Protein backbone atom coordinates (compact mmCIF):
# COMPACT_ATOMS: atom_id res chain seq x y z
CA MET A 1 45.22 53.45 -6.73
CA LEU A 2 47.92 51.48 -8.50
CA LEU A 3 47.01 51.04 -12.18
CA LYS A 4 46.91 47.17 -12.45
CA SER A 5 46.67 47.32 -16.22
CA ASN A 6 50.29 48.52 -16.28
CA ILE A 7 51.65 45.62 -14.16
CA THR A 8 52.80 42.37 -15.78
CA ASN A 9 53.36 39.08 -14.04
CA THR A 10 56.38 37.18 -15.41
CA GLY A 11 55.63 34.08 -13.36
CA GLU A 12 58.56 34.92 -11.06
CA GLY A 13 56.97 37.91 -9.41
CA VAL A 14 55.31 41.24 -10.46
CA ASP A 15 57.12 43.48 -13.00
CA ILE A 16 56.51 47.08 -12.10
CA SER A 17 59.24 48.61 -14.26
CA SER A 18 56.69 50.05 -16.71
CA THR A 19 54.06 51.05 -14.11
CA SER A 20 52.88 54.67 -14.26
CA LEU A 21 52.14 56.02 -10.74
CA LYS A 22 50.56 59.04 -9.29
CA ILE A 23 53.04 60.17 -6.66
CA LEU A 24 52.55 62.96 -4.12
CA ILE A 25 55.59 64.88 -3.01
CA VAL A 26 55.15 66.90 0.32
CA ASP A 27 58.21 69.06 1.02
CA ASP A 28 58.58 72.71 2.13
CA GLU A 29 61.81 73.10 0.10
CA LYS A 30 61.00 74.35 -3.38
CA LEU A 31 64.15 72.99 -4.97
CA SER A 32 63.69 69.56 -3.49
CA ARG A 33 60.16 69.45 -4.85
CA LYS A 34 61.33 70.46 -8.30
CA VAL A 35 64.16 67.93 -8.41
CA LEU A 36 61.99 65.05 -7.30
CA SER A 37 59.12 66.01 -9.62
CA SER A 38 61.55 66.04 -12.61
CA ARG A 39 63.01 62.67 -11.81
CA LEU A 40 59.64 61.08 -11.32
CA ALA A 41 58.23 62.56 -14.54
CA LYS A 42 61.31 61.38 -16.42
CA ASN A 43 60.52 57.77 -15.28
CA GLY A 44 56.94 58.07 -16.50
CA HIS A 45 55.19 58.93 -13.26
CA THR A 46 52.78 61.73 -12.59
CA PRO A 47 54.00 63.97 -9.75
CA PHE A 48 51.89 66.23 -7.48
CA THR A 49 53.56 68.58 -5.04
CA ALA A 50 52.62 70.23 -1.69
CA GLN A 51 54.66 72.63 0.41
CA ASN A 52 53.36 71.56 3.84
CA GLY A 53 51.53 68.76 5.58
CA GLN A 54 48.09 70.38 5.37
CA GLU A 55 48.34 71.03 1.72
CA GLY A 56 49.62 67.51 1.25
CA VAL A 57 46.53 66.08 2.98
CA ASP A 58 44.24 68.23 0.82
CA ILE A 59 45.94 67.06 -2.45
CA PHE A 60 45.94 63.50 -1.22
CA GLU A 61 42.02 63.62 -0.85
CA LYS A 62 41.63 65.20 -4.27
CA GLU A 63 44.08 63.17 -6.36
CA LYS A 64 44.17 59.79 -4.64
CA PRO A 65 47.88 59.14 -5.30
CA ASP A 66 49.45 55.66 -5.36
CA LEU A 67 52.40 56.69 -3.22
CA VAL A 68 53.47 59.59 -0.98
CA ILE A 69 56.96 61.01 -0.47
CA MET A 70 56.72 62.95 2.83
CA ASP A 71 59.21 65.46 4.29
CA ILE A 72 59.10 65.51 8.09
CA MET A 73 60.13 69.06 9.28
CA MET A 74 57.59 71.44 7.67
CA PRO A 75 55.53 74.44 8.67
CA VAL A 76 51.68 74.51 9.15
CA MET A 77 51.58 70.70 9.68
CA ASP A 78 54.65 68.53 10.04
CA GLY A 79 55.15 65.17 8.30
CA TYR A 80 54.25 63.07 11.39
CA GLU A 81 50.78 64.47 11.64
CA ALA A 82 50.28 64.57 7.86
CA THR A 83 51.25 60.81 7.62
CA ARG A 84 48.85 59.88 10.41
CA ILE A 85 45.97 61.68 8.68
CA ILE A 86 46.83 60.18 5.20
CA LYS A 87 46.97 56.67 6.64
CA GLU A 88 43.67 57.18 8.33
CA LYS A 89 42.06 58.49 5.15
CA ALA A 90 43.51 55.60 3.11
CA GLY A 91 41.50 53.22 5.29
CA ALA A 92 41.79 49.58 4.06
CA SER A 93 43.87 50.65 1.05
CA PHE A 94 47.64 50.39 1.27
CA ILE A 95 49.09 53.72 0.19
CA PRO A 96 52.91 53.65 0.92
CA VAL A 97 54.38 56.68 2.65
CA ILE A 98 58.14 57.13 2.30
CA CYS A 99 59.59 59.69 4.72
CA LEU A 100 61.99 62.15 3.18
CA THR A 101 64.35 63.15 5.98
CA SER A 102 67.79 64.13 7.08
CA LEU A 103 67.05 63.01 10.56
CA GLU A 104 69.58 60.72 12.17
CA ASP A 105 68.24 60.46 15.67
CA GLU A 106 66.78 56.86 16.14
CA LYS A 107 63.85 58.21 18.29
CA ASP A 108 62.82 60.50 15.51
CA LEU A 109 62.95 57.76 12.94
CA ALA A 110 60.89 55.52 15.27
CA LYS A 111 58.38 58.38 15.53
CA CYS A 112 58.02 58.22 11.71
CA ILE A 113 57.15 54.54 11.92
CA GLU A 114 54.76 55.18 14.69
CA ALA A 115 53.02 57.74 12.56
CA GLY A 116 52.51 55.14 9.84
CA ALA A 117 55.51 55.61 7.44
CA ASP A 118 56.58 52.60 5.45
CA ASP A 119 60.14 53.48 4.51
CA PHE A 120 62.83 56.21 4.51
CA LEU A 121 64.72 58.35 1.96
CA SER A 122 67.76 60.28 3.18
CA LYS A 123 68.52 63.68 1.80
CA PRO A 124 70.13 64.33 -0.63
CA VAL A 125 68.13 61.77 -2.65
CA THR A 126 69.91 59.79 -5.39
CA PRO A 127 67.94 58.58 -8.48
CA THR A 128 69.03 54.92 -7.99
CA ILE A 129 67.81 54.77 -4.35
CA LEU A 130 64.65 56.70 -5.24
CA ASN A 131 63.66 54.28 -7.94
CA ALA A 132 64.57 51.22 -5.76
CA LYS A 133 62.42 52.47 -2.91
CA ILE A 134 59.50 53.12 -5.16
CA ASP A 135 59.78 49.76 -6.86
CA ALA A 136 60.03 48.00 -3.37
CA MET A 137 56.90 49.81 -2.18
CA MET A 138 54.99 48.92 -5.27
CA ARG A 139 55.80 45.27 -4.88
CA ILE A 140 54.51 45.43 -1.38
CA CYS A 141 51.42 47.19 -2.65
CA SER A 142 50.81 44.48 -5.28
CA LEU A 143 51.24 41.75 -2.64
CA TYR A 144 48.81 43.64 -0.40
CA GLU A 145 46.22 43.81 -3.13
CA THR A 146 46.69 40.05 -3.89
CA VAL A 147 46.16 39.21 -0.26
CA ASN A 148 43.10 41.41 -0.07
CA GLU A 149 41.61 39.71 -3.16
CA GLN A 150 42.34 36.32 -1.68
CA LYS A 151 40.63 37.43 1.55
CA ARG A 152 37.63 38.61 -0.37
CA GLU A 153 37.42 35.37 -2.34
CA LEU A 154 37.86 33.37 0.91
CA GLY A 155 35.08 35.44 2.54
CA ILE A 156 32.77 34.58 -0.32
CA MET A 157 33.65 30.91 0.01
CA LEU A 158 33.04 31.00 3.78
CA ASP A 159 29.74 32.75 3.35
CA GLU A 160 28.65 30.15 0.81
CA LYS A 161 29.76 27.42 3.15
CA ASP A 162 27.84 28.94 6.04
CA ARG A 163 24.69 29.14 3.86
CA GLU A 164 25.11 25.51 2.82
CA MET A 165 25.70 24.46 6.40
CA ALA A 166 22.63 26.34 7.60
CA PHE A 167 20.53 24.74 4.90
CA ALA A 168 21.90 21.26 5.74
CA GLU A 169 21.38 21.85 9.39
CA LYS A 170 17.67 22.82 8.77
CA ILE A 171 17.05 19.72 6.72
CA TYR A 172 18.93 17.56 9.20
CA SER A 173 16.85 18.97 12.08
CA GLN A 174 13.56 18.43 10.16
CA ILE A 175 14.48 14.74 9.53
CA VAL A 176 16.07 13.84 12.84
CA HIS A 177 14.04 15.90 15.27
CA ARG A 178 10.50 15.51 13.77
CA GLY A 179 9.43 13.31 16.67
CA ASN A 180 7.76 14.33 19.90
CA THR A 181 10.38 16.13 22.01
CA GLU A 182 7.80 17.60 24.32
CA GLU A 183 6.76 14.57 26.36
CA SER A 184 5.83 15.80 29.90
CA ASN A 185 7.75 13.00 31.52
CA VAL A 186 10.95 13.32 29.52
CA LYS A 187 13.58 15.99 30.30
CA PHE A 188 16.86 16.39 28.41
CA TRP A 189 19.82 18.57 27.77
CA THR A 190 22.16 18.53 24.83
CA SER A 191 25.32 20.42 24.08
CA PRO A 192 26.89 19.71 20.62
CA MET A 193 30.49 20.45 19.72
CA ALA A 194 29.52 21.84 16.38
CA ILE A 195 26.46 22.58 14.27
CA PHE A 196 26.08 18.85 13.70
CA SER A 197 26.21 16.64 16.74
CA GLY A 198 27.51 13.06 16.94
CA ASP A 199 24.96 12.50 19.72
CA ILE A 200 21.36 11.78 18.93
CA LEU A 201 18.31 11.91 21.12
CA LEU A 202 14.99 10.64 19.65
CA ILE A 203 11.68 10.43 21.39
CA ALA A 204 8.45 8.76 20.13
CA ARG A 205 5.14 7.36 21.39
CA SER A 206 4.31 3.72 20.65
CA PRO A 207 0.64 2.81 19.84
CA SER A 208 0.31 1.37 23.36
CA GLY A 209 1.06 4.79 24.89
CA ALA A 210 4.57 3.89 26.02
CA VAL A 211 7.32 6.36 25.48
CA ASN A 212 10.32 5.18 23.30
CA VAL A 213 13.62 7.01 23.72
CA ILE A 214 17.00 6.41 21.98
CA MET A 215 20.07 8.23 23.30
CA GLY A 216 23.05 7.53 21.05
CA ASP A 217 26.63 8.61 20.43
CA PHE A 218 28.15 8.14 17.00
CA THR A 219 32.01 8.01 16.85
CA GLY A 220 33.55 11.32 16.10
CA HIS A 221 32.08 14.76 15.87
CA GLY A 222 30.41 17.04 13.31
CA LEU A 223 28.87 16.27 9.92
CA SER A 224 30.54 12.85 9.33
CA ALA A 225 29.36 11.63 12.78
CA ALA A 226 25.88 13.05 12.24
CA MET A 227 25.23 11.34 8.89
CA GLY A 228 24.20 8.15 10.50
CA ALA A 229 21.49 10.01 12.50
CA VAL A 230 19.33 10.31 9.40
CA PRO A 231 18.75 6.63 8.73
CA ALA A 232 18.66 5.90 12.44
CA SER A 233 15.88 8.40 13.00
CA GLU A 234 13.91 7.06 10.07
CA ILE A 235 14.05 3.48 11.46
CA PHE A 236 13.38 4.55 15.07
CA TYR A 237 10.27 6.70 14.22
CA ALA A 238 8.77 4.23 11.75
CA MET A 239 9.21 1.17 14.02
CA SER A 240 7.98 3.02 17.12
CA ALA A 241 4.86 3.97 15.24
CA LYS A 242 4.28 0.33 14.42
CA GLY A 243 4.64 -0.71 17.96
CA CYS A 244 7.78 -2.68 17.58
CA ALA A 245 9.66 -3.81 20.60
CA ILE A 246 12.81 -2.00 21.71
CA ASN A 247 15.14 -4.91 20.84
CA GLU A 248 13.56 -5.28 17.43
CA ILE A 249 14.34 -1.59 16.75
CA ALA A 250 17.91 -2.10 18.04
CA MET A 251 18.44 -5.07 15.69
CA GLU A 252 17.13 -3.20 12.64
CA LEU A 253 19.23 -0.11 13.52
CA ASN A 254 22.26 -2.45 13.79
CA ARG A 255 21.56 -4.07 10.36
CA LYS A 256 21.10 -0.78 8.57
CA LEU A 257 24.07 1.04 10.17
CA LYS A 258 26.36 -2.00 9.59
CA GLU A 259 25.24 -2.00 5.92
CA MET A 260 25.78 1.68 5.17
CA LEU A 261 28.34 3.21 7.48
CA PRO A 262 32.17 3.01 7.20
CA ALA A 263 33.85 0.52 9.54
CA ASN A 264 35.14 3.33 11.83
CA ILE A 265 31.73 4.90 12.45
CA PHE A 266 29.24 3.10 14.73
CA LEU A 267 26.61 3.99 17.32
CA ALA A 268 26.85 3.53 21.07
CA ALA A 269 23.23 3.63 22.11
CA ALA A 270 20.69 3.17 24.92
CA LEU A 271 17.09 2.30 23.78
CA VAL A 272 14.39 2.71 26.43
CA GLN A 273 10.69 2.00 26.48
CA MET A 274 9.00 3.59 29.48
CA ASP A 275 5.60 1.96 30.14
CA THR A 276 4.12 4.24 32.84
CA ALA A 277 0.85 2.26 32.90
CA GLY A 278 2.70 -1.01 33.55
CA GLY A 279 5.38 0.54 35.65
CA THR A 280 8.26 -0.89 33.81
CA ALA A 281 11.33 0.34 31.90
CA THR A 282 12.62 -1.94 29.10
CA VAL A 283 16.21 -1.18 28.19
CA TRP A 284 18.64 -2.31 25.40
CA SER A 285 22.09 -0.72 25.71
CA GLY A 286 25.36 -0.99 23.85
CA ALA A 287 28.66 0.66 24.89
CA VAL A 288 27.09 3.59 26.78
CA PRO A 289 27.83 4.69 30.34
CA ASP A 290 25.73 3.07 33.08
CA ILE A 291 22.03 3.93 33.14
CA PHE A 292 20.70 4.99 36.54
CA ILE A 293 17.35 4.31 38.08
CA LEU A 294 16.53 6.89 40.82
CA GLU A 295 13.89 6.51 43.44
CA ASN A 296 11.06 9.09 43.65
CA GLU A 297 12.42 10.71 46.77
CA GLY A 298 16.02 10.69 45.44
CA GLY A 299 19.06 8.41 45.49
CA VAL A 300 20.22 5.78 43.10
CA LYS A 301 18.03 2.64 43.22
CA LYS A 302 19.75 0.64 40.51
CA ARG A 303 22.54 0.78 37.88
CA LEU A 304 22.04 -0.82 34.49
CA LYS A 305 25.28 -1.72 32.85
CA SER A 306 25.70 -1.85 29.17
CA ARG A 307 25.78 -5.49 27.98
CA ASN A 308 26.14 -5.11 24.23
CA LEU A 309 28.35 -3.97 21.44
CA PRO A 310 27.71 -0.62 19.69
CA LEU A 311 25.26 -0.69 16.80
CA GLY A 312 26.83 -1.14 13.38
CA VAL A 313 29.91 -3.18 14.42
CA VAL A 314 28.87 -6.77 13.96
CA ASP A 315 26.10 -8.58 12.03
CA ASN A 316 22.73 -9.28 13.71
CA ASP A 317 23.52 -12.97 14.26
CA THR A 318 26.34 -11.86 16.55
CA LEU A 319 24.64 -9.05 18.30
CA ASP A 320 22.73 -9.76 21.51
CA SER A 321 19.19 -8.61 21.46
CA THR A 322 18.49 -9.26 25.17
CA VAL A 323 16.76 -6.45 27.06
CA GLU A 324 16.55 -5.61 30.73
CA ILE A 325 13.12 -5.06 32.22
CA THR A 326 13.10 -3.03 35.47
CA PRO A 327 9.92 -2.48 37.60
CA LEU A 328 9.42 1.13 38.59
CA ALA A 329 7.30 2.89 41.11
CA GLU A 330 5.38 6.08 40.49
CA GLY A 331 7.90 8.92 40.29
CA ASP A 332 10.95 6.81 39.80
CA ARG A 333 13.35 8.20 37.23
CA LEU A 334 15.58 6.60 34.56
CA CYS A 335 18.68 8.70 33.72
CA ALA A 336 21.03 8.18 30.81
CA PHE A 337 24.12 10.13 29.82
CA SER A 338 26.43 10.12 26.86
CA ASP A 339 30.16 9.68 27.49
CA GLY A 340 30.61 13.42 27.05
CA VAL A 341 29.56 13.56 30.75
CA THR A 342 31.47 10.69 32.28
CA GLU A 343 34.62 11.43 30.13
CA ALA A 344 34.60 15.21 30.83
CA ILE A 345 38.27 15.84 31.67
CA ARG A 346 40.02 18.44 33.81
CA THR A 347 43.50 19.92 33.41
CA ASP A 348 45.34 17.11 35.22
CA GLY A 349 43.85 14.52 32.83
CA GLU A 350 41.39 12.99 35.31
CA MET A 351 37.91 12.15 34.01
CA PHE A 352 34.56 12.91 35.81
CA GLY A 353 33.63 9.27 35.77
CA GLU A 354 30.57 7.22 36.66
CA GLU A 355 31.26 7.23 40.36
CA ARG A 356 31.24 10.93 40.64
CA LEU A 357 28.11 10.89 38.47
CA GLN A 358 26.45 8.49 40.92
CA GLU A 359 27.43 10.70 43.91
CA CYS A 360 25.88 13.70 42.15
CA LEU A 361 22.64 11.73 41.50
CA ASN A 362 22.45 10.56 45.13
CA ARG A 363 22.63 14.16 46.37
CA ASN A 364 19.76 15.30 44.13
CA ARG A 365 16.34 15.54 45.79
CA GLY A 366 14.57 18.01 43.60
CA ASP A 367 13.46 18.74 40.07
CA HIS A 368 16.81 20.02 38.77
CA LEU A 369 18.71 16.79 38.27
CA LEU A 370 20.17 17.60 34.89
CA GLU A 371 21.13 21.08 35.92
CA ASP A 372 22.77 19.68 39.03
CA VAL A 373 24.83 17.27 36.86
CA ARG A 374 25.83 20.08 34.48
CA THR A 375 26.98 22.27 37.43
CA ALA A 376 28.98 19.35 38.94
CA VAL A 377 30.75 18.59 35.69
CA ASP A 378 31.51 22.25 34.98
CA LYS A 379 32.92 22.70 38.51
CA PHE A 380 35.04 19.50 38.13
CA CYS A 381 36.49 20.70 34.80
CA GLY A 382 37.31 24.11 36.22
CA GLY A 383 36.11 26.12 33.26
CA GLN A 384 37.72 23.78 30.65
CA SER A 385 35.86 23.79 27.32
CA GLN A 386 33.98 20.58 26.58
CA SER A 387 35.82 18.00 24.55
CA ASP A 388 32.86 15.96 23.26
CA ASP A 389 29.13 16.21 22.42
CA VAL A 390 27.05 15.94 25.66
CA THR A 391 23.61 14.52 26.02
CA MET A 392 21.52 13.87 29.18
CA VAL A 393 18.08 12.50 29.40
CA GLU A 394 15.74 11.91 32.33
CA ILE A 395 12.56 9.81 31.94
CA ILE A 396 10.06 9.88 34.75
CA CYS A 397 7.64 7.03 35.58
CA ASP A 398 4.52 9.27 35.70
CA ALA A 399 1.11 7.79 35.07
CA ASP A 400 -0.09 11.13 33.90
CA GLY A 401 2.71 11.49 31.42
């Protein structure tokens, strides 16, 4: 390898004028080997010589030279094959190979490049051109080593970032998803754009036995959007455990998010309390797509439109705390979707929309509602990758739930 201790950096590039190199000369002409060796030694380099390609490969493995000067037309093994083998054995290291040739045919020269050669020297070789070619190759070698070192350092940084992200994701999940996500009457599906989702889905039981659910969508994606999920989950779980009403939870969430989040980050949300014993769904919603009530045997029974601003935009004295209470029959389902569903877009720019969503819900007659919606959206988008976090939730009015 190139001896870095002999290289100086002047601030305007690498100075290789005083670099001592190990250079392998592979040539079947004795006089040519002798002349090149003499010139290289005179310039402070250490030459090694081989009289054919096979011998050159053997010496390359033994001496590990910094550069190879390779004749093309030789017995036993020609320069094409020897160059291919040397480049293969060099692996990730950049060992320049300069072809020493009197060839003039463009096809033959192209064959040298295909074999892995990096430059050419025409016979007879002049000292000035020889030195210039070596210097040029060593500058490339130095740049190659610099790039490799930068790649190594970048790899270390990325590995460290991945470890930090994995740790943060674990803590985030423990904080945000510590509630009960295994309620028998709640089905859901989420698809985040990144490790951290801007969507949140929190589920908790109140002391009365009702199921509280919040489905929310913070502005943006990734870590910055997900940061608001930590205080939101703390408030939701704590107030649900105390038996607070849905609108009380909404108002406290609004107060806290307005206080701590930047002005450009807020939470579009639907808060639902499903009281299966009483047969009612109490809903507070702000800036989310319509919520659908489906009859037990299928078909949309009612659409609940969002009537409020997102959480974290205005103060509590401006935000409307009104809820909508809907009577439900046994088996009726409440379905809520983040705008990653309704705003799924296909190549012509058209969105999936709430009307297509309702048509899909009207067609459903079984237990695979969320899967049917996913299939419909995927088919509509025609294989386009999703452009937003996606959350779907289905809450069933089930007295046994």
